[in-house]
């Protein structure tokens, strides 16, 4: 694996001063040493030198790098901003180190319950290892695109679309852990390309159109069942508390039959969708 080596080159301003000095001195010397019918030898020597030195100048912008190569071999990477100068025989490839983002297409995959869903993601990334980005993969930008979509597909098969059990993570409910999982998944795939993943999140999530209506009904039914379960659990707890308080304070003593009737009445009141209509008993508790 090719690892990044820093090679900023020489200060371009210093070499520019030398270049300008040669450029100004050559015509002056040619004029002072001119003789009848003699070609300006100084200019003939200075011109190739100036052209050769000019090919070594390059500019590095902030958050930009230049990968230097000599006859195909990797020499180093210049990251220091400003006007720089290096061996004119070096080839200089510009590489952006700025933060970039990529939004994947809407992918149609199956979730952990084999339900077809549509999912897309946004990945914020940047290049941190220029040598790996240039030499380890053919096209690092396309590599980011392909590997991100592969990671999103793998993520979708690891979680259900939705879950009414809080202990079971889902794509819809647990956004934080799912986003962290996606970030780690993408980072693991892009490490060999010298890319650092700063953030990864799901940007689109929906059931596939062909099952959207049916899954909506199923989701509503599941929500109703989950709500009913919570209501029943709460009602049972309230009934248990009421019986315990009545017995503890000695307000009334009920036999098992009357306890069963009271439990039935309380559950109807607590679990019913409509308000209960009270019936006033003017006789004894047994009539």
Protein backbone atom coordinates (compact mmCIF):
# COMPACT_ATOMS: atom_id res chain seq x y z
CA UNK A 1 0.00 0.00 0.00
CA UNK A 2 1.31 3.43 -0.96
CA UNK A 3 1.40 5.75 2.04
CA UNK A 4 1.32 9.53 1.92
CA UNK A 5 4.60 11.44 2.22
CA UNK A 6 4.69 15.20 2.64
CA UNK A 7 6.88 17.03 0.15
CA UNK A 8 5.98 20.71 -0.05
CA UNK A 9 8.82 21.73 -2.37
CA UNK A 10 10.60 25.07 -2.16
CA UNK A 11 9.16 28.49 -1.57
CA UNK A 12 7.86 29.77 -4.90
CA UNK A 13 8.45 33.41 -4.01
CA UNK A 14 12.20 32.87 -3.59
CA UNK A 15 12.46 30.99 -6.88
CA UNK A 16 10.27 33.61 -8.55
CA UNK A 17 12.73 36.31 -7.49
CA UNK A 18 15.59 34.30 -9.02
CA UNK A 19 13.55 33.75 -12.18
CA UNK A 20 12.79 37.47 -12.53
CA UNK A 21 16.44 38.34 -11.88
CA UNK A 22 17.54 36.08 -14.75
CA UNK A 23 14.78 37.47 -16.95
CA UNK A 24 15.95 41.06 -16.35
CA UNK A 25 19.66 40.38 -16.37
CA UNK A 26 19.77 38.47 -19.64
CA UNK A 27 18.70 41.38 -21.93
CA UNK A 28 20.97 43.81 -20.06
CA UNK A 29 23.99 41.57 -20.42
CA UNK A 30 23.15 40.96 -24.04
CA UNK A 31 22.97 44.69 -24.67
CA UNK A 32 26.22 45.47 -22.83
CA UNK A 33 28.15 42.69 -24.50
CA UNK A 34 26.63 43.17 -27.92
CA UNK A 35 29.03 43.34 -30.83
CA UNK A 36 28.44 43.95 -34.52
CA UNK A 37 27.08 40.86 -36.27
CA UNK A 38 27.11 38.75 -33.09
CA UNK A 39 23.91 37.01 -31.94
CA UNK A 40 22.84 37.62 -28.30
CA UNK A 41 24.40 34.55 -26.70
CA UNK A 42 23.08 35.53 -23.25
CA UNK A 43 19.50 35.40 -24.47
CA UNK A 44 20.04 32.04 -26.16
CA UNK A 45 21.25 30.57 -22.86
CA UNK A 46 18.78 32.36 -20.60
CA UNK A 47 15.62 31.47 -22.53
CA UNK A 48 15.81 27.66 -22.06
CA UNK A 49 16.73 28.14 -18.38
CA UNK A 50 13.74 30.41 -17.81
CA UNK A 51 11.36 28.01 -19.54
CA UNK A 52 12.76 25.08 -17.53
CA UNK A 53 12.43 26.92 -14.20
CA UNK A 54 8.91 28.16 -15.02
CA UNK A 55 7.64 24.59 -15.35
CA UNK A 56 8.47 23.98 -11.69
CA UNK A 57 6.07 26.61 -10.31
CA UNK A 58 2.69 25.52 -8.96
CA UNK A 59 0.08 26.95 -6.61
CA UNK A 60 -1.50 25.10 -3.70
CA UNK A 61 -4.84 26.54 -2.55
CA UNK A 62 -6.19 26.11 1.01
CA UNK A 63 -7.63 22.61 1.58
CA UNK A 64 -5.98 21.43 -1.61
CA UNK A 65 -3.04 19.15 -2.32
CA UNK A 66 -0.75 18.42 -5.23
CA UNK A 67 0.43 14.83 -5.70
CA UNK A 68 3.96 14.87 -7.14
CA UNK A 69 5.20 12.09 -9.41
CA UNK A 70 8.50 11.59 -11.20
CA UNK A 71 8.30 9.38 -14.29
CA UNK A 72 5.35 7.46 -12.79
CA UNK A 73 6.85 7.06 -9.31
CA UNK A 74 5.25 8.68 -6.27
CA UNK A 75 7.46 11.40 -4.81
CA UNK A 76 5.26 13.11 -2.23
CA UNK A 77 2.30 15.38 -1.59
CA UNK A 78 2.43 19.17 -1.26
CA UNK A 79 -0.21 20.54 1.13
CA UNK A 80 1.34 23.84 2.22
CA UNK A 81 -0.76 26.66 0.67
CA UNK A 82 0.87 29.27 -1.51
CA UNK A 83 3.24 29.50 -4.47
CA UNK A 84 5.59 26.52 -4.46
CA UNK A 85 8.37 25.26 -6.70
CA UNK A 86 9.52 21.70 -7.28
CA UNK A 87 11.51 19.73 -9.83
CA UNK A 88 10.18 20.74 -13.25
CA UNK A 89 10.16 17.07 -14.24
CA UNK A 90 7.55 16.35 -11.57
CA UNK A 91 3.99 15.87 -12.71
CA UNK A 92 1.54 17.59 -10.36
CA UNK A 93 -1.98 16.25 -9.86
CA UNK A 94 -4.46 18.45 -8.02
CA UNK A 95 -6.54 16.85 -5.28
CA UNK A 96 -9.25 18.53 -3.19
CA UNK A 97 -9.18 18.04 0.59
CA UNK A 98 -12.42 19.96 1.15
CA UNK A 99 -15.41 18.42 2.90
CA UNK A 100 -17.83 16.97 0.37
CA UNK A 101 -21.18 15.21 0.59
CA UNK A 102 -22.75 12.49 -1.47
CA UNK A 103 -26.44 11.57 -1.58
CA UNK A 104 -27.16 8.09 -2.81
CA UNK A 105 -30.01 7.23 -5.12
CA UNK A 106 -33.26 5.78 -3.77
CA UNK A 107 -32.39 2.11 -3.41
CA UNK A 108 -35.03 -0.61 -3.32
CA UNK A 109 -34.01 -3.30 -0.82
CA UNK A 110 -35.54 -5.68 1.71
CA UNK A 111 -35.40 -4.93 5.42
CA UNK A 112 -34.73 -7.49 8.16
CA UNK A 113 -38.35 -8.71 7.88
CA UNK A 114 -38.04 -9.16 4.09
CA UNK A 115 -40.32 -6.18 3.41
CA UNK A 116 -39.36 -4.19 0.28
CA UNK A 117 -38.46 -0.62 1.20
CA UNK A 118 -36.90 2.43 -0.43
CA UNK A 119 -33.89 3.94 1.32
CA UNK A 120 -31.31 6.63 0.57
CA UNK A 121 -28.49 8.20 2.56
CA UNK A 122 -26.27 11.27 2.76
CA UNK A 123 -22.57 10.80 3.48
CA UNK A 124 -20.23 13.69 4.39
CA UNK A 125 -16.62 12.83 3.58
CA UNK A 126 -13.20 14.17 2.71
CA UNK A 127 -9.84 12.86 1.49
CA UNK A 128 -7.20 12.52 4.22
CA UNK A 129 -4.66 10.18 2.56
CA UNK A 130 -3.87 11.54 -0.90
CA UNK A 131 -1.57 8.69 -1.93
CA UNK A 132 -4.20 6.03 -1.20
CA UNK A 133 -6.92 8.04 -2.94
CA UNK A 134 -4.83 8.36 -6.11
CA UNK A 135 -2.97 5.07 -6.29
CA UNK A 136 -5.00 2.46 -4.37
CA UNK A 137 -8.30 2.89 -6.25
CA UNK A 138 -9.02 3.75 -9.85
CA UNK A 139 -11.49 6.60 -9.23
CA UNK A 140 -11.95 7.49 -5.57
CA UNK A 141 -15.10 9.59 -6.14
CA UNK A 142 -16.85 6.73 -7.94
CA UNK A 143 -15.50 4.36 -5.27
CA UNK A 144 -17.21 6.45 -2.58
CA UNK A 145 -20.48 6.28 -4.51
CA UNK A 146 -20.46 2.53 -5.09
CA UNK A 147 -19.30 1.56 -1.61
CA UNK A 148 -21.79 3.89 0.07
CA UNK A 149 -24.69 2.31 -1.78
CA UNK A 150 -23.39 -1.14 -0.87
CA UNK A 151 -23.20 -0.13 2.80
CA UNK A 152 -26.76 1.24 2.71
CA UNK A 153 -28.04 -2.03 1.25
CA UNK A 154 -26.29 -4.01 3.95
CA UNK A 155 -27.65 -1.69 6.64
CA UNK A 156 -31.23 -2.04 5.43
CA UNK A 157 -31.09 -5.84 5.72
CA UNK A 158 -29.88 -5.58 9.33
CA UNK A 159 -32.87 -3.70 10.78
CA UNK A 160 -36.65 -3.85 10.41
CA UNK A 161 -38.43 -0.83 8.98
CA UNK A 162 -40.36 -0.26 12.21
CA UNK A 163 -40.75 -2.02 15.54
CA UNK A 164 -43.16 -1.48 18.41
CA UNK A 165 -40.73 -3.13 20.81
CA UNK A 166 -38.43 -0.47 22.23
CA UNK A 167 -35.74 -3.08 22.83
CA UNK A 168 -35.55 -3.90 19.11
CA UNK A 169 -33.78 -1.17 17.05
CA UNK A 170 -35.42 -0.18 13.78
CA UNK A 171 -34.68 2.09 10.84
CA UNK A 172 -37.59 4.37 11.69
CA UNK A 173 -37.32 4.68 15.46
CA UNK A 174 -33.60 4.47 16.33
CA UNK A 175 -32.08 7.10 14.07
CA UNK A 176 -28.97 7.72 16.19
CA UNK A 177 -27.66 4.13 16.50
CA UNK A 178 -28.59 3.38 12.89
CA UNK A 179 -26.71 6.46 11.66
CA UNK A 180 -23.65 5.47 13.72
CA UNK A 181 -23.82 1.95 12.30
CA UNK A 182 -24.04 3.35 8.78
CA UNK A 183 -21.06 5.65 9.40
CA UNK A 184 -18.91 2.76 10.64
CA UNK A 185 -20.03 0.58 7.75
CA UNK A 186 -19.12 3.21 5.15
CA UNK A 187 -15.85 4.12 6.88
CA UNK A 188 -14.74 0.50 6.92
CA UNK A 189 -15.29 0.25 3.19
CA UNK A 190 -13.64 3.57 2.30
CA UNK A 191 -10.58 3.31 4.54
CA UNK A 192 -8.47 1.80 1.77
CA UNK A 193 -9.22 4.80 -0.46
CA UNK A 194 -7.84 7.33 2.05
CA UNK A 195 -11.30 8.76 2.74
CA UNK A 196 -12.60 9.84 6.15
CA UNK A 197 -16.36 9.71 6.76
CA UNK A 198 -17.50 12.64 8.91
CA UNK A 199 -21.22 11.88 8.99
CA UNK A 200 -23.68 9.41 7.48
CA UNK A 201 -27.45 9.55 7.83
CA UNK A 202 -30.56 8.14 6.20
CA UNK A 203 -32.17 10.84 4.04
CA UNK A 204 -35.13 8.87 2.65
CA UNK A 205 -37.03 5.91 4.07
CA UNK A 206 -40.35 4.52 2.87
CA UNK A 207 -42.09 1.30 1.98
CA UNK A 208 -41.98 0.26 -1.66
CA UNK A 209 -45.01 1.59 -3.60
CA UNK A 210 -46.47 -1.86 -4.30
CA UNK A 211 -46.89 -2.67 -0.59
CA UNK A 212 -47.16 0.82 0.88
CA UNK A 213 -50.95 0.69 1.41
CA UNK A 214 -50.93 -2.81 2.90
CA UNK A 215 -47.97 -2.05 5.16
CA UNK A 216 -49.65 1.14 6.33
CA UNK A 217 -52.68 -0.88 7.46
CA UNK A 218 -50.37 -3.39 9.11
CA UNK A 219 -48.47 -0.59 10.80
CA UNK A 220 -51.70 0.95 12.06
CA UNK A 221 -52.91 -2.42 13.33
CA UNK A 222 -49.60 -3.01 15.07
CA UNK A 223 -49.82 0.44 16.67
CA UNK A 224 -53.35 -0.27 17.90
CA UNK A 225 -52.30 -3.61 19.37
CA UNK A 226 -49.28 -2.06 21.06
CA UNK A 227 -51.44 0.74 22.48
CA UNK A 228 -54.05 -1.73 23.73
CA UNK A 229 -51.34 -3.75 25.40
CA UNK A 230 -50.11 -0.69 27.25
CA UNK A 231 -53.66 0.20 28.27
CA UNK A 232 -54.36 -3.28 29.62
CA UNK A 233 -51.07 -3.36 31.53
CA UNK A 234 -51.89 -0.01 33.09
CA UNK A 235 -55.47 -1.00 33.89
CA UNK A 236 -54.39 -4.21 35.60
CA UNK A 237 -51.91 -2.27 37.68
CA UNK A 238 -54.55 0.26 38.69
CA UNK A 239 -57.03 -2.48 39.65
CA UNK A 240 -54.38 -4.24 41.70
CA UNK A 241 -53.52 -1.01 43.45
CA UNK A 242 -57.20 -0.25 44.15
CA UNK A 243 -57.85 -3.66 45.69
CA UNK A 244 -54.69 -3.43 47.77
CA UNK A 245 -55.62 0.02 49.10
CA UNK A 246 -59.19 -1.04 49.94
CA UNK A 247 -57.94 -4.08 51.80
CA UNK A 248 -55.11 -2.23 53.52
CA UNK A 249 -57.28 0.60 54.86
CA UNK A 250 -60.15 -1.72 55.80
CA UNK A 251 -62.71 0.38 53.96
CA UNK A 252 -64.67 -2.61 52.70
CA UNK A 253 -64.25 -6.35 52.83
CA UNK A 254 -65.03 -8.15 49.58
CA UNK A 255 -65.28 -11.85 48.94
CA UNK A 256 -63.76 -13.42 45.86
CA UNK A 257 -66.96 -13.10 43.84
CA UNK A 258 -67.31 -9.39 44.53
CA UNK A 259 -63.62 -8.86 43.83
CA UNK A 260 -64.09 -10.50 40.43
CA UNK A 261 -67.06 -8.27 39.70
CA UNK A 262 -65.13 -5.18 40.75
CA UNK A 263 -62.16 -6.16 38.61
CA UNK A 264 -64.48 -6.67 35.63
CA UNK A 265 -66.14 -3.30 36.11
CA UNK A 266 -62.84 -1.45 36.52
CA UNK A 267 -61.33 -3.04 33.43
CA UNK A 268 -64.41 -2.05 31.40
CA UNK A 269 -64.10 1.52 32.63
CA UNK A 270 -60.33 1.78 32.10
CA UNK A 271 -60.07 -0.09 28.80
CA UNK A 272 -63.24 1.09 27.09
CA UNK A 273 -63.06 3.57 24.23
CA UNK A 274 -66.14 5.44 25.48
CA UNK A 275 -67.01 6.83 28.86
CA UNK A 276 -68.78 4.32 31.13
CA UNK A 277 -72.38 4.95 32.24
CA UNK A 278 -72.61 4.51 36.02
CA UNK A 279 -75.43 2.49 37.57
CA UNK A 280 -76.43 3.43 41.12
CA UNK A 281 -77.16 0.39 43.27
CA UNK A 282 -79.85 1.19 45.89
CA UNK A 283 -79.80 -2.23 47.44
CA UNK A 284 -77.06 -4.29 49.00
CA UNK A 285 -73.83 -5.14 47.28
CA UNK A 286 -75.27 -8.54 46.41
CA UNK A 287 -78.41 -7.22 44.70
